[in-house]
């Protein structure tokens, strides 16, 4: 099987923020074992910014401004990769650095190129080591954390398993730092408000992700038909046990009954929205229950400036985003035809604001809210 294994900053760096060669070595030994057993593994790693901070030791500790953090990532990225290169070479494996930005998922041609490159690396016997391209990332349009990147990557390479390695044993029913008898949630089959509340807030200092972002990533993977395991990076043979579906390995998130094809997953989670279309209650029912196209007759307002072929969020009368799609009309023309029936449209205009083939409903059958409306949010 193809496995995507993501490891967080707190699990690959020491207390000082420097890259922990021993921790990386343990992970790479498990990658080598998985490869020897016939599996293909793609590693998604955090830690570049932390490594840059440890190297330059800026006054006042870790900076907060985006430009300095990007510069620190440039300093730390090659140091991080050097450790991976040495650790994998010890097992006779070569690694290939892959830096991805949201553009690589948001533009279809880039998406296909990224997929082809990573697949070719796997065919060549190389272990792809992936990170967000922090050095040039737009702070307004970014993955937000490597958990989401890993989930999108799992779909891109048609993985069967996503392993999110962290500094806890998995998702607990309460914060184990605050509640002594908190219990590990061993299996997740559906997402509800209670589960999302249990995920809590931010994780370790210096990391962008947390358990909430891991659940959001697991849900994206679930909609791709990918099983996810959230587990402790320090657990012995954690990767082997996750592959083997060993009991107690961590929190297992099962694939959803409803699975999105690759293109719709790309629309839902990899295309940043350029605007919004507000619809009435009848249009919302038609989209959710009948998987209909969004027609001008059901739209009540247009927000933002978008062109045809841009992604737009679709908002119900309650103000909640429940769908996303590719607009067939620019915002100015869409606003002109709000509430009009298709027969009233000018002949040269598309009959739909969003065609059903380009539309994704983001609420589950259980009614749960969408797992992060777009990259860097939620």
Protein backbone atom coordinates (compact mmCIF):
# COMPACT_ATOMS: atom_id res chain seq x y z
CA UNK A 1 0.00 0.00 0.00
CA UNK A 2 0.95 3.66 -0.32
CA UNK A 3 1.32 5.34 3.06
CA UNK A 4 1.61 9.05 3.83
CA UNK A 5 3.29 9.60 7.21
CA UNK A 6 3.28 13.11 8.65
CA UNK A 7 5.35 14.05 11.69
CA UNK A 8 4.96 17.28 13.63
CA UNK A 9 7.47 19.87 14.79
CA UNK A 10 7.38 18.78 18.42
CA UNK A 11 8.24 15.22 17.37
CA UNK A 12 11.26 16.02 15.16
CA UNK A 13 12.90 18.79 17.19
CA UNK A 14 14.57 18.94 20.60
CA UNK A 15 13.69 21.30 23.44
CA UNK A 16 16.03 23.87 21.88
CA UNK A 17 14.21 23.65 18.56
CA UNK A 18 17.10 21.98 16.72
CA UNK A 19 16.38 18.97 14.53
CA UNK A 20 16.41 15.81 16.67
CA UNK A 21 18.52 13.38 14.63
CA UNK A 22 17.59 10.49 16.90
CA UNK A 23 13.85 11.07 16.41
CA UNK A 24 14.25 11.41 12.65
CA UNK A 25 16.40 8.28 12.66
CA UNK A 26 13.67 6.29 14.42
CA UNK A 27 11.09 7.39 11.87
CA UNK A 28 13.37 6.62 8.92
CA UNK A 29 14.14 3.16 10.31
CA UNK A 30 10.40 2.47 10.31
CA UNK A 31 10.07 3.85 6.79
CA UNK A 32 12.82 1.48 5.70
CA UNK A 33 11.05 -1.45 7.37
CA UNK A 34 7.80 -0.54 5.63
CA UNK A 35 9.62 -0.34 2.31
CA UNK A 36 11.19 -3.76 2.93
CA UNK A 37 7.69 -5.14 3.55
CA UNK A 38 6.59 -3.91 0.12
CA UNK A 39 4.93 -0.61 1.01
CA UNK A 40 5.61 2.82 -0.47
CA UNK A 41 5.96 5.69 1.97
CA UNK A 42 5.74 9.45 1.51
CA UNK A 43 6.95 11.47 4.52
CA UNK A 44 5.50 14.89 5.33
CA UNK A 45 7.69 16.69 7.83
CA UNK A 46 7.46 19.87 9.85
CA UNK A 47 10.36 21.50 11.67
CA UNK A 48 12.08 23.84 9.18
CA UNK A 49 11.17 27.08 10.92
CA UNK A 50 12.08 25.66 14.32
CA UNK A 51 15.45 24.54 12.97
CA UNK A 52 16.06 28.03 11.60
CA UNK A 53 15.22 29.61 14.96
CA UNK A 54 17.62 27.22 16.70
CA UNK A 55 20.38 28.08 14.23
CA UNK A 56 20.13 31.88 14.31
CA UNK A 57 18.76 32.24 17.84
CA UNK A 58 17.05 35.60 17.20
CA UNK A 59 16.77 37.92 20.23
CA UNK A 60 13.47 37.43 22.02
CA UNK A 61 13.01 33.88 20.80
CA UNK A 62 10.71 32.81 17.97
CA UNK A 63 9.59 35.85 15.93
CA UNK A 64 5.96 36.42 15.04
CA UNK A 65 6.13 38.29 11.74
CA UNK A 66 5.62 36.21 8.61
CA UNK A 67 8.60 37.55 6.65
CA UNK A 68 11.13 36.64 9.35
CA UNK A 69 9.55 33.22 9.79
CA UNK A 70 9.88 32.62 6.06
CA UNK A 71 13.55 33.63 6.20
CA UNK A 72 14.10 31.28 9.14
CA UNK A 73 12.47 28.48 7.18
CA UNK A 74 15.04 29.02 4.41
CA UNK A 75 17.79 28.61 6.99
CA UNK A 76 16.27 25.55 8.60
CA UNK A 77 14.90 23.62 5.62
CA UNK A 78 18.20 22.29 4.27
CA UNK A 79 19.36 21.42 7.81
CA UNK A 80 16.18 19.40 8.28
CA UNK A 81 16.66 17.65 4.94
CA UNK A 82 20.30 16.86 5.70
CA UNK A 83 19.20 14.88 8.76
CA UNK A 84 16.60 12.96 6.71
CA UNK A 85 19.13 12.30 3.96
CA UNK A 86 21.65 10.84 6.42
CA UNK A 87 19.01 8.81 8.27
CA UNK A 88 17.60 7.24 5.13
CA UNK A 89 21.04 6.66 3.61
CA UNK A 90 21.88 4.53 6.65
CA UNK A 91 19.24 2.09 5.34
CA UNK A 92 20.37 2.30 1.72
CA UNK A 93 17.55 4.67 0.73
CA UNK A 94 17.61 7.97 -1.10
CA UNK A 95 15.25 10.82 -0.28
CA UNK A 96 13.85 13.49 -2.54
CA UNK A 97 12.85 16.91 -1.23
CA UNK A 98 9.41 18.10 -2.37
CA UNK A 99 8.25 21.59 -1.36
CA UNK A 100 4.59 22.26 -2.12
CA UNK A 101 2.45 25.38 -2.00
CA UNK A 102 -1.36 25.71 -2.25
CA UNK A 103 -0.89 26.74 -5.88
CA UNK A 104 0.28 23.20 -6.59
CA UNK A 105 -3.13 21.90 -5.54
CA UNK A 106 -5.25 24.90 -6.56
CA UNK A 107 -4.21 24.87 -10.22
CA UNK A 108 -5.19 21.67 -12.00
CA UNK A 109 -2.08 21.56 -14.20
CA UNK A 110 0.20 21.97 -11.18
CA UNK A 111 -1.81 19.32 -9.31
CA UNK A 112 -1.21 16.81 -12.08
CA UNK A 113 2.49 17.71 -12.30
CA UNK A 114 2.94 17.30 -8.54
CA UNK A 115 1.23 13.91 -8.67
CA UNK A 116 3.34 12.74 -11.60
CA UNK A 117 6.60 13.82 -9.95
CA UNK A 118 5.87 12.13 -6.63
CA UNK A 119 4.72 8.95 -8.35
CA UNK A 120 7.93 8.89 -10.39
CA UNK A 121 10.02 9.33 -7.23
CA UNK A 122 8.24 6.30 -5.75
CA UNK A 123 8.83 4.31 -8.94
CA UNK A 124 12.54 5.14 -8.67
CA UNK A 125 12.64 3.79 -5.13
CA UNK A 126 13.07 7.25 -3.60
CA UNK A 127 11.39 8.33 -0.36
CA UNK A 128 9.69 11.71 -1.02
CA UNK A 129 10.10 14.05 1.97
CA UNK A 130 7.49 16.78 1.69
CA UNK A 131 7.05 20.12 3.42
CA UNK A 132 5.09 23.28 2.72
CA UNK A 133 7.15 25.79 0.76
CA UNK A 134 7.16 28.26 3.66
CA UNK A 135 9.87 30.42 2.11
CA UNK A 136 7.58 31.77 -0.62
CA UNK A 137 4.13 30.94 0.78
CA UNK A 138 1.55 33.73 0.73
CA UNK A 139 0.51 34.22 4.36
CA UNK A 140 -3.10 34.69 3.26
CA UNK A 141 -3.21 31.53 1.12
CA UNK A 142 -1.38 28.64 2.67
CA UNK A 143 -2.06 25.17 3.97
CA UNK A 144 -2.10 26.49 7.54
CA UNK A 145 -0.41 23.33 8.82
CA UNK A 146 1.16 20.20 7.42
CA UNK A 147 -1.74 18.02 8.59
CA UNK A 148 -3.91 19.40 5.80
CA UNK A 149 -1.06 19.15 3.33
CA UNK A 150 -0.67 15.47 4.27
CA UNK A 151 -4.40 14.80 3.81
CA UNK A 152 -4.44 16.40 0.36
CA UNK A 153 -1.26 14.54 -0.51
CA UNK A 154 -2.84 11.24 0.52
CA UNK A 155 -5.54 11.83 -2.06
CA UNK A 156 -3.07 13.04 -4.68
CA UNK A 157 -0.95 9.86 -4.52
CA UNK A 158 -3.95 7.53 -3.99
CA UNK A 159 -2.72 6.43 -0.58
CA UNK A 160 -4.60 3.86 1.46
CA UNK A 161 -3.31 5.09 4.81
CA UNK A 162 -2.52 8.47 6.37
CA UNK A 163 -0.52 8.40 9.61
CA UNK A 164 -0.40 11.61 11.64
CA UNK A 165 2.41 11.31 14.17
CA UNK A 166 2.28 13.65 17.13
CA UNK A 167 3.38 14.00 20.75
CA UNK A 168 0.24 12.35 22.19
CA UNK A 169 -1.19 8.85 21.86
CA UNK A 170 -4.14 10.08 19.80
CA UNK A 171 -7.43 11.86 20.39
CA UNK A 172 -8.76 11.76 23.94
CA UNK A 173 -12.32 12.40 25.14
CA UNK A 174 -10.92 15.26 27.25
CA UNK A 175 -7.64 17.14 27.45
CA UNK A 176 -5.26 14.65 29.15
CA UNK A 177 -3.15 17.58 30.37
CA UNK A 178 -6.12 18.74 32.44
CA UNK A 179 -8.20 15.60 33.07
CA UNK A 180 -6.40 12.70 34.74
CA UNK A 181 -8.86 9.99 33.65
CA UNK A 182 -9.22 11.12 30.02
CA UNK A 183 -9.68 8.11 27.73
CA UNK A 184 -8.22 7.49 24.29
CA UNK A 185 -10.77 7.53 21.47
CA UNK A 186 -9.66 4.44 19.56
CA UNK A 187 -12.00 4.69 16.57
CA UNK A 188 -13.89 7.48 14.83
CA UNK A 189 -16.66 6.57 12.40
CA UNK A 190 -18.49 9.93 12.26
CA UNK A 191 -17.82 13.53 13.21
CA UNK A 192 -20.05 15.40 15.62
CA UNK A 193 -19.80 18.50 17.79
CA UNK A 194 -18.79 16.51 20.88
CA UNK A 195 -15.89 14.92 19.03
CA UNK A 196 -14.72 18.24 17.61
CA UNK A 197 -14.93 19.83 21.08
CA UNK A 198 -12.76 17.04 22.49
CA UNK A 199 -10.05 17.96 19.96
CA UNK A 200 -9.47 21.21 21.86
CA UNK A 201 -7.22 24.06 20.75
CA UNK A 202 -3.60 24.59 19.71
CA UNK A 203 -0.92 22.00 20.27
CA UNK A 204 2.71 22.49 21.25
CA UNK A 205 4.51 25.86 21.15
CA UNK A 206 6.17 26.46 17.79
CA UNK A 207 3.70 24.22 15.94
CA UNK A 208 0.84 25.47 13.78
CA UNK A 209 -1.21 22.31 14.12
CA UNK A 210 -3.06 20.73 17.02
CA UNK A 211 -5.53 17.89 17.51
CA UNK A 212 -8.30 19.95 15.88
CA UNK A 213 -6.24 20.31 12.71
CA UNK A 214 -5.48 16.58 12.76
CA UNK A 215 -9.19 15.78 12.95
CA UNK A 216 -9.85 18.20 10.09
CA UNK A 217 -7.12 16.48 8.06
CA UNK A 218 -8.45 13.04 8.97
CA UNK A 219 -11.88 14.08 7.78
CA UNK A 220 -10.53 15.27 4.44
CA UNK A 221 -8.75 11.91 4.10
CA UNK A 222 -11.90 10.08 5.15
CA UNK A 223 -13.82 11.71 2.32
CA UNK A 224 -11.04 10.48 0.00
CA UNK A 225 -11.55 6.89 1.16
CA UNK A 226 -8.30 6.94 3.14
CA UNK A 227 -7.96 5.42 6.61
CA UNK A 228 -6.18 7.72 9.09
CA UNK A 229 -4.27 6.85 12.24
CA UNK A 230 -3.39 9.59 14.76
CA UNK A 231 -0.68 8.21 17.02
CA UNK A 232 2.37 8.99 19.14
CA UNK A 233 5.58 9.46 17.16
CA UNK A 234 7.58 8.00 20.06
CA UNK A 235 5.61 4.74 20.16
CA UNK A 236 7.72 1.73 19.22
CA UNK A 237 6.89 0.37 15.73
CA UNK A 238 4.09 2.90 15.36
CA UNK A 239 4.26 2.95 11.56
CA UNK A 240 4.32 -0.84 11.32
CA UNK A 241 1.36 -1.14 13.70
CA UNK A 242 -0.63 1.53 11.84
CA UNK A 243 -0.10 -0.32 8.56
CA UNK A 244 -1.10 -3.61 10.18
CA UNK A 245 -4.21 -2.08 11.85
CA UNK A 246 -2.90 -3.24 15.23
CA UNK A 247 -5.33 -2.54 18.09
CA UNK A 248 -4.44 0.32 20.42
CA UNK A 249 -2.03 2.01 18.01
CA UNK A 250 -3.84 5.34 18.39
CA UNK A 251 -7.02 6.94 17.11
CA UNK A 252 -8.23 5.39 13.87
CA UNK A 253 -10.50 7.43 11.61
CA UNK A 254 -12.30 5.18 9.16
CA UNK A 255 -13.10 6.11 5.55
CA UNK A 256 -16.49 7.77 5.15
CA UNK A 257 -19.41 6.12 3.38
CA UNK A 258 -19.56 9.17 1.15
CA UNK A 259 -16.32 9.58 -0.78
CA UNK A 260 -15.38 12.49 -2.99
CA UNK A 261 -13.65 11.86 -6.33
CA UNK A 262 -10.27 13.53 -6.75
CA UNK A 263 -11.56 16.53 -8.71
CA UNK A 264 -14.28 17.34 -6.18
CA UNK A 265 -11.83 16.99 -3.32
CA UNK A 266 -9.58 19.40 -5.19
CA UNK A 267 -12.46 21.88 -5.50
CA UNK A 268 -13.48 21.47 -1.87
CA UNK A 269 -10.15 21.78 -0.12
CA UNK A 270 -7.44 22.95 -2.50
CA UNK A 271 -9.03 25.89 -4.31
CA UNK A 272 -9.10 29.09 -2.21
CA UNK A 273 -12.49 30.81 -2.61
CA UNK A 274 -12.61 34.19 -4.35
CA UNK A 275 -16.10 35.06 -3.11
CA UNK A 276 -19.45 33.83 -1.86
CA UNK A 277 -22.96 33.26 -3.17
CA UNK A 278 -25.83 33.41 -0.67
CA UNK A 279 -28.83 31.22 -1.46
CA UNK A 280 -32.36 30.82 -0.14
CA UNK A 281 -33.68 27.84 1.81
CA UNK A 282 -35.17 26.17 -1.26
CA UNK A 283 -31.89 26.30 -3.15
CA UNK A 284 -30.04 24.93 -0.14
CA UNK A 285 -32.39 21.93 0.01
CA UNK A 286 -32.02 21.33 -3.72
CA UNK A 287 -28.22 21.36 -3.50
CA UNK A 288 -27.94 19.19 -0.39
CA UNK A 289 -30.77 16.71 -0.97
CA UNK A 290 -30.90 16.44 -4.78
CA UNK A 291 -27.32 17.37 -5.71
CA UNK A 292 -28.75 19.93 -8.12
CA UNK A 293 -26.92 22.76 -9.88
CA UNK A 294 -27.04 26.23 -8.36
CA UNK A 295 -29.29 28.40 -10.56
CA UNK A 296 -29.59 32.20 -10.43
CA UNK A 297 -33.21 31.78 -9.28
CA UNK A 298 -32.06 30.43 -5.91
CA UNK A 299 -29.34 33.03 -5.24
CA UNK A 300 -30.07 36.07 -3.08
CA UNK A 301 -26.68 37.83 -2.84
CA UNK A 302 -23.14 37.83 -4.20
CA UNK A 303 -20.13 38.69 -2.03
CA UNK A 304 -16.60 39.42 -3.22
CA UNK A 305 -15.14 39.83 -6.69
CA UNK A 306 -14.74 36.61 -8.61
CA UNK A 307 -14.44 35.62 -12.24
CA UNK A 308 -15.87 32.66 -14.09
CA UNK A 309 -13.86 29.53 -13.17
CA UNK A 310 -13.02 30.90 -9.70
CA UNK A 311 -13.99 28.92 -6.62
CA UNK A 312 -16.85 30.31 -4.52
CA UNK A 313 -18.34 29.36 -1.18
CA UNK A 314 -22.09 28.82 -1.08
CA UNK A 315 -23.84 30.16 2.01
CA UNK A 316 -27.32 29.35 3.31
CA UNK A 317 -29.81 31.85 4.70
CA UNK A 318 -28.40 31.16 8.17
CA UNK A 319 -24.98 32.48 7.10
CA UNK A 320 -23.28 29.08 7.25
CA UNK A 321 -21.10 27.79 4.41
CA UNK A 322 -22.50 24.44 3.27
CA UNK A 323 -21.05 23.99 -0.22
CA UNK A 324 -18.33 25.13 -2.57
CA UNK A 325 -17.99 25.16 -6.31
CA UNK A 326 -16.57 26.68 -9.49
CA UNK A 327 -18.48 29.73 -10.70
CA UNK A 328 -19.69 29.83 -14.28
CA UNK A 329 -20.46 33.55 -14.17
CA UNK A 330 -18.32 36.45 -12.90
CA UNK A 331 -19.56 38.24 -9.80
CA UNK A 332 -20.85 41.28 -11.71
CA UNK A 333 -23.03 39.23 -14.07
CA UNK A 334 -24.16 36.90 -11.27
CA UNK A 335 -25.33 39.92 -9.25
CA UNK A 336 -27.34 41.19 -12.23
CA UNK A 337 -29.27 37.94 -12.54
CA UNK A 338 -30.01 37.15 -8.89
CA UNK A 339 -33.40 35.50 -8.51
CA UNK A 340 -33.98 35.27 -12.27
CA UNK A 341 -35.14 32.08 -13.92
CA UNK A 342 -32.91 30.40 -16.49
CA UNK A 343 -35.22 31.41 -19.36
CA UNK A 344 -34.65 35.06 -18.48
CA UNK A 345 -30.86 34.87 -18.83
CA UNK A 346 -29.07 36.34 -21.81
CA UNK A 347 -28.37 33.71 -24.45
CA UNK A 348 -24.59 33.99 -24.10
CA UNK A 349 -24.66 33.31 -20.33
CA UNK A 350 -24.35 29.93 -18.69
CA UNK A 351 -27.65 28.68 -17.30
CA UNK A 352 -26.12 27.91 -13.90
CA UNK A 353 -24.13 29.90 -11.38
CA UNK A 354 -22.43 26.65 -10.37
CA UNK A 355 -22.99 23.40 -12.28
CA UNK A 356 -23.52 20.29 -10.16
CA UNK A 357 -20.43 18.68 -11.71
CA UNK A 358 -18.37 21.54 -10.23
CA UNK A 359 -20.14 21.68 -6.85
CA UNK A 360 -19.32 19.94 -3.57
CA UNK A 361 -21.69 19.81 -0.61
CA UNK A 362 -19.60 20.18 2.54
CA UNK A 363 -22.02 18.90 5.14
CA UNK A 364 -22.03 15.23 6.07
CA UNK A 365 -25.12 13.09 6.23
CA UNK A 366 -24.81 13.49 9.99
CA UNK A 367 -25.11 17.28 9.56
CA UNK A 368 -21.59 18.11 10.74
CA UNK A 369 -19.96 21.30 9.56
CA UNK A 370 -17.29 21.26 6.83
CA UNK A 371 -13.76 20.16 7.79
CA UNK A 372 -12.08 23.51 7.09
CA UNK A 373 -13.56 25.56 4.28
CA UNK A 374 -10.28 26.12 2.48
CA UNK A 375 -6.56 26.07 3.03
CA UNK A 376 -5.41 27.91 6.11
CA UNK A 377 -8.87 28.27 7.65
CA UNK A 378 -10.86 26.34 10.21
